[in-house]
Amino acid sequence: LQFRQQLLHYHYDSLYRANTAHTVPLRFLSFDYPKEQKAQHFEDQVLLGNAILYSPILRPDEEYRVSYLPTGLWCSWVDGSCYKGPTEVKVLAENAPASFTFLKGGTAVVTQNSAETTTQARTKKMRLIVVLDEDGKATVLVSLTTARQPTLCPANTTP
């Protein structure tokens, strides 16, 4: 639950973008990668919005799973390891659910410390995670709807 709450702003943003683009926020890999044959076989992996690939372990006794990463650069949420797709990687269950979450190169995700209510969440600090693509570029489209002024700080620091 805490992991999902950290991504609350991203979830809202993904829903808004999907609505305005007349698409869906949660998609099978084959929806975005129809020409990749292996994407058809990994039916339990999904794309959430434009930046997150979720590859869950579905059985409680599984210690790991093999995840398919389609074309592009994909970075692990847990340790930042990056992989150039298309490829398959072994994902361990020990850091679930973050262990089976990958961020797509060239995108950004806003995270926020969890809170019990969305009103309380507005008082929490936000973090922008940017994952550069293979060319060292990323598109960052973030809508902030808060009256608070943002505090800018260098990478790897906190205000």
C-alpha atoms as a PDB file:
ATOM      1  CA  LEU A   1       0.000   0.000   0.000  1.00  0.00           C
ATOM      2  CA  GLN A   2       2.818   2.410   0.858  1.00  0.00           C
ATOM      3  CA  PHE A   3       4.456   1.868  -2.542  1.00  0.00           C
ATOM      4  CA  ARG A   4       1.157   2.591  -4.300  1.00  0.00           C
ATOM      5  CA  GLN A   5       0.654   5.745  -2.230  1.00  0.00           C
ATOM      6  CA  GLN A   6       4.109   6.993  -3.212  1.00  0.00           C
ATOM      7  CA  LEU A   7       2.919   6.866  -6.816  1.00  0.00           C
ATOM      8  CA  LEU A   8      -0.449   8.552  -6.180  1.00  0.00           C
ATOM      9  CA  HIS A   9       0.396  11.676  -8.176  1.00  0.00           C
ATOM     10  CA  TYR A  10       1.670   9.519 -11.040  1.00  0.00           C
ATOM     11  CA  HIS A  11      -1.544   7.450 -10.988  1.00  0.00           C
ATOM     12  CA  TYR A  12      -3.718  10.577 -11.176  1.00  0.00           C
ATOM     13  CA  ASP A  13      -1.558  12.000 -13.955  1.00  0.00           C
ATOM     14  CA  SER A  14      -1.723   8.710 -15.913  1.00  0.00           C
ATOM     15  CA  LEU A  15      -5.511   8.632 -15.615  1.00  0.00           C
ATOM     16  CA  TYR A  16      -5.783  12.228 -16.832  1.00  0.00           C
ATOM     17  CA  ARG A  17      -3.447  11.641 -19.799  1.00  0.00           C
ATOM     18  CA  ALA A  18      -5.234   8.426 -20.763  1.00  0.00           C
ATOM     19  CA  ASN A  19      -8.598  10.182 -20.647  1.00  0.00           C
ATOM     20  CA  THR A  20      -7.462  13.098 -22.814  1.00  0.00           C
ATOM     21  CA  ALA A  21      -5.734  10.751 -25.299  1.00  0.00           C
ATOM     22  CA  HIS A  22      -8.783   8.407 -25.383  1.00  0.00           C
ATOM     23  CA  THR A  23      -6.742   5.383 -24.332  1.00  0.00           C
ATOM     24  CA  VAL A  24      -6.276   3.337 -21.163  1.00  0.00           C
ATOM     25  CA  PRO A  25      -3.723   3.934 -18.391  1.00  0.00           C
ATOM     26  CA  LEU A  26      -3.024   0.230 -17.732  1.00  0.00           C
ATOM     27  CA  ARG A  27      -2.032  -1.746 -20.822  1.00  0.00           C
ATOM     28  CA  PHE A  28      -0.595  -5.121 -21.771  1.00  0.00           C
ATOM     29  CA  LEU A  29       2.859  -4.974 -23.378  1.00  0.00           C
ATOM     30  CA  SER A  30       1.408  -6.044 -26.719  1.00  0.00           C
ATOM     31  CA  PHE A  31      -0.693  -2.849 -26.789  1.00  0.00           C
ATOM     32  CA  ASP A  32       2.386  -0.581 -26.982  1.00  0.00           C
ATOM     33  CA  TYR A  33       4.749  -3.105 -28.600  1.00  0.00           C
ATOM     34  CA  PRO A  34       2.588  -5.000 -31.126  1.00  0.00           C
ATOM     35  CA  LYS A  35       5.534  -5.939 -33.371  1.00  0.00           C
ATOM     36  CA  GLU A  36       7.522  -7.592 -30.580  1.00  0.00           C
ATOM     37  CA  GLN A  37       6.611 -11.266 -30.589  1.00  0.00           C
ATOM     38  CA  LYS A  38       7.802 -11.883 -27.011  1.00  0.00           C
ATOM     39  CA  ALA A  39       5.568  -9.082 -25.717  1.00  0.00           C
ATOM     40  CA  GLN A  40       2.611 -11.264 -26.716  1.00  0.00           C
ATOM     41  CA  HIS A  41       3.768 -14.070 -24.379  1.00  0.00           C
ATOM     42  CA  PHE A  42       4.229 -12.030 -21.185  1.00  0.00           C
ATOM     43  CA  GLU A  43       0.518 -11.488 -20.562  1.00  0.00           C
ATOM     44  CA  ASP A  44       0.928 -10.835 -16.827  1.00  0.00           C
ATOM     45  CA  GLN A  45       3.106  -7.732 -17.279  1.00  0.00           C
ATOM     46  CA  VAL A  46       1.515  -4.322 -17.727  1.00  0.00           C
ATOM     47  CA  LEU A  47       2.462  -0.777 -18.584  1.00  0.00           C
ATOM     48  CA  LEU A  48       1.115   1.886 -16.268  1.00  0.00           C
ATOM     49  CA  GLY A  49       1.061   5.290 -17.909  1.00  0.00           C
ATOM     50  CA  ASN A  50       3.998   6.175 -20.123  1.00  0.00           C
ATOM     51  CA  ALA A  51       6.824   5.382 -17.681  1.00  0.00           C
ATOM     52  CA  ILE A  52       6.203   2.277 -15.555  1.00  0.00           C
ATOM     53  CA  LEU A  53       6.378  -1.401 -16.465  1.00  0.00           C
ATOM     54  CA  TYR A  54       5.015  -3.670 -13.757  1.00  0.00           C
ATOM     55  CA  SER A  55       6.011  -7.323 -13.775  1.00  0.00           C
ATOM     56  CA  PRO A  56       4.436  -8.943 -10.695  1.00  0.00           C
ATOM     57  CA  ILE A  57       5.093 -12.269  -9.054  1.00  0.00           C
ATOM     58  CA  LEU A  58       1.655 -13.821  -8.883  1.00  0.00           C
ATOM     59  CA  ARG A  59       2.218 -16.935  -6.784  1.00  0.00           C
ATOM     60  CA  PRO A  60       3.234 -16.693  -3.103  1.00  0.00           C
ATOM     61  CA  ASP A  61       5.771 -19.526  -3.355  1.00  0.00           C
ATOM     62  CA  GLU A  62       7.758 -17.952  -6.209  1.00  0.00           C
ATOM     63  CA  GLU A  63      11.134 -16.498  -5.278  1.00  0.00           C
ATOM     64  CA  TYR A  64      11.702 -14.881  -8.672  1.00  0.00           C
ATOM     65  CA  ARG A  65      10.294 -14.455 -12.132  1.00  0.00           C
ATOM     66  CA  VAL A  66      11.612 -13.684 -15.593  1.00  0.00           C
ATOM     67  CA  SER A  67      10.479 -10.313 -16.884  1.00  0.00           C
ATOM     68  CA  TYR A  68      10.473  -9.198 -20.488  1.00  0.00           C
ATOM     69  CA  LEU A  69      11.656  -5.646 -21.155  1.00  0.00           C
ATOM     70  CA  PRO A  70      10.633  -4.404 -24.616  1.00  0.00           C
ATOM     71  CA  THR A  71      12.646  -2.153 -26.921  1.00  0.00           C
ATOM     72  CA  GLY A  72      14.212   0.808 -25.172  1.00  0.00           C
ATOM     73  CA  LEU A  73      16.075   1.460 -21.960  1.00  0.00           C
ATOM     74  CA  TRP A  74      14.489   0.180 -18.713  1.00  0.00           C
ATOM     75  CA  CYS A  75      15.763   0.862 -15.185  1.00  0.00           C
ATOM     76  CA  SER A  76      14.945  -1.077 -12.033  1.00  0.00           C
ATOM     77  CA  TRP A  77      13.021   0.845  -9.377  1.00  0.00           C
ATOM     78  CA  VAL A  78      14.952  -0.964  -6.624  1.00  0.00           C
ATOM     79  CA  ASP A  79      18.588  -0.483  -7.551  1.00  0.00           C
ATOM     80  CA  GLY A  80      18.637   1.670 -10.688  1.00  0.00           C
ATOM     81  CA  SER A  81      20.180  -1.078 -12.831  1.00  0.00           C
ATOM     82  CA  CYS A  82      19.417  -0.341 -16.465  1.00  0.00           C
ATOM     83  CA  TYR A  83      18.791  -2.805 -19.270  1.00  0.00           C
ATOM     84  CA  LYS A  84      18.597  -2.268 -23.008  1.00  0.00           C
ATOM     85  CA  GLY A  85      15.563  -4.009 -24.438  1.00  0.00           C
ATOM     86  CA  PRO A  86      14.376  -6.157 -25.875  1.00  0.00           C
ATOM     87  CA  THR A  87      15.715  -8.501 -23.210  1.00  0.00           C
ATOM     88  CA  GLU A  88      14.660 -10.745 -20.347  1.00  0.00           C
ATOM     89  CA  VAL A  89      15.770 -10.253 -16.735  1.00  0.00           C
ATOM     90  CA  LYS A  90      15.389 -12.293 -13.557  1.00  0.00           C
ATOM     91  CA  VAL A  91      13.435 -10.380 -10.904  1.00  0.00           C
ATOM     92  CA  LEU A  92      13.677 -11.422  -7.239  1.00  0.00           C
ATOM     93  CA  ALA A  93      10.612 -11.357  -4.990  1.00  0.00           C
ATOM     94  CA  GLU A  94      12.486 -10.147  -1.902  1.00  0.00           C
ATOM     95  CA  ASN A  95      11.864  -6.415  -2.501  1.00  0.00           C
ATOM     96  CA  ALA A  96       8.273  -6.713  -3.694  1.00  0.00           C
ATOM     97  CA  PRO A  97       6.399  -4.808  -5.048  1.00  0.00           C
ATOM     98  CA  ALA A  98       9.154  -2.386  -6.038  1.00  0.00           C
ATOM     99  CA  SER A  99      11.366  -5.254  -7.233  1.00  0.00           C
ATOM    100  CA  PHE A 100       9.202  -5.868 -10.266  1.00  0.00           C
ATOM    101  CA  THR A 101       8.803  -2.239 -11.272  1.00  0.00           C
ATOM    102  CA  PHE A 102      10.829  -0.766 -14.126  1.00  0.00           C
ATOM    103  CA  LEU A 103      11.003   2.822 -15.356  1.00  0.00           C
ATOM    104  CA  LYS A 104      11.235   3.536 -19.067  1.00  0.00           C
ATOM    105  CA  GLY A 105      14.172   5.561 -20.330  1.00  0.00           C
ATOM    106  CA  GLY A 106      13.218   9.045 -21.496  1.00  0.00           C
ATOM    107  CA  THR A 107      10.462   9.496 -18.913  1.00  0.00           C
ATOM    108  CA  ALA A 108       9.918  10.939 -15.443  1.00  0.00           C
ATOM    109  CA  VAL A 109       7.895   9.895 -12.410  1.00  0.00           C
ATOM    110  CA  VAL A 110       6.763  12.039  -9.493  1.00  0.00           C
ATOM    111  CA  THR A 111       6.772  10.281  -6.129  1.00  0.00           C
ATOM    112  CA  GLN A 112       5.679  11.447  -2.730  1.00  0.00           C
ATOM    113  CA  ASN A 113       5.922  10.133   0.822  1.00  0.00           C
ATOM    114  CA  SER A 114       2.774   8.259   1.831  1.00  0.00           C
ATOM    115  CA  ALA A 115      -0.005   9.827   3.822  1.00  0.00           C
ATOM    116  CA  GLU A 116      -3.327   8.647   5.206  1.00  0.00           C
ATOM    117  CA  THR A 117      -5.385  11.094   3.130  1.00  0.00           C
ATOM    118  CA  THR A 118      -4.884  13.093  -0.051  1.00  0.00           C
ATOM    119  CA  THR A 119      -5.199  16.263   2.040  1.00  0.00           C
ATOM    120  CA  GLN A 120      -2.251  15.145   4.158  1.00  0.00           C
ATOM    121  CA  ALA A 121      -0.365  14.126   1.021  1.00  0.00           C
ATOM    122  CA  ARG A 122      -0.367  17.751  -0.115  1.00  0.00           C
ATOM    123  CA  THR A 123       1.971  18.569   2.762  1.00  0.00           C
ATOM    124  CA  LYS A 124       4.506  15.869   1.859  1.00  0.00           C
ATOM    125  CA  LYS A 125       7.645  16.464  -0.165  1.00  0.00           C
ATOM    126  CA  MET A 126       7.621  15.361  -3.777  1.00  0.00           C
ATOM    127  CA  ARG A 127      10.503  13.805  -5.680  1.00  0.00           C
ATOM    128  CA  LEU A 128      10.955  13.837  -9.427  1.00  0.00           C
ATOM    129  CA  ILE A 129      12.711  10.737 -10.777  1.00  0.00           C
ATOM    130  CA  VAL A 130      14.019  11.272 -14.311  1.00  0.00           C
ATOM    131  CA  VAL A 131      15.299   8.333 -16.338  1.00  0.00           C
ATOM    132  CA  LEU A 132      17.320   9.397 -19.366  1.00  0.00           C
ATOM    133  CA  ASP A 133      17.030   7.454 -22.602  1.00  0.00           C
ATOM    134  CA  GLU A 134      19.949   6.045 -24.587  1.00  0.00           C
ATOM    135  CA  ASP A 135      20.616   9.525 -26.042  1.00  0.00           C
ATOM    136  CA  GLY A 136      20.700  11.145 -22.598  1.00  0.00           C
ATOM    137  CA  LYS A 137      17.293  12.813 -23.026  1.00  0.00           C
ATOM    138  CA  ALA A 138      13.959  12.713 -21.226  1.00  0.00           C
ATOM    139  CA  THR A 139      10.584  14.371 -21.613  1.00  0.00           C
ATOM    140  CA  VAL A 140       9.223  15.706 -18.337  1.00  0.00           C
ATOM    141  CA  LEU A 141       5.556  16.721 -18.240  1.00  0.00           C
ATOM    142  CA  VAL A 142       4.389  17.310 -14.695  1.00  0.00           C
ATOM    143  CA  SER A 143       1.294  19.138 -13.513  1.00  0.00           C
ATOM    144  CA  LEU A 144       1.462  20.388  -9.960  1.00  0.00           C
ATOM    145  CA  THR A 145      -1.797  21.507  -8.404  1.00  0.00           C
ATOM    146  CA  THR A 146      -0.665  22.818  -5.065  1.00  0.00           C
ATOM    147  CA  ALA A 147      -0.407  26.288  -3.627  1.00  0.00           C
ATOM    148  CA  ARG A 148       2.974  25.502  -2.086  1.00  0.00           C
ATOM    149  CA  GLN A 149       6.044  26.819  -3.813  1.00  0.00           C
ATOM    150  CA  PRO A 150       8.411  24.039  -4.937  1.00  0.00           C
ATOM    151  CA  THR A 151      11.811  23.759  -3.294  1.00  0.00           C
ATOM    152  CA  LEU A 152      14.493  23.039  -5.859  1.00  0.00           C
ATOM    153  CA  CYS A 153      17.597  21.205  -4.762  1.00  0.00           C
ATOM    154  CA  PRO A 154      20.565  19.494  -6.471  1.00  0.00           C
ATOM    155  CA  ALA A 155      20.330  15.809  -7.284  1.00  0.00           C
ATOM    156  CA  ASN A 156      20.876  13.373  -4.399  1.00  0.00           C
ATOM    157  CA  THR A 157      20.141  16.026  -1.757  1.00  0.00           C
ATOM    158  CA  THR A 158      17.139  17.039   0.284  1.00  0.00           C
ATOM    159  CA  PRO A 159      16.122  20.570   1.311  1.00  0.00           C
END
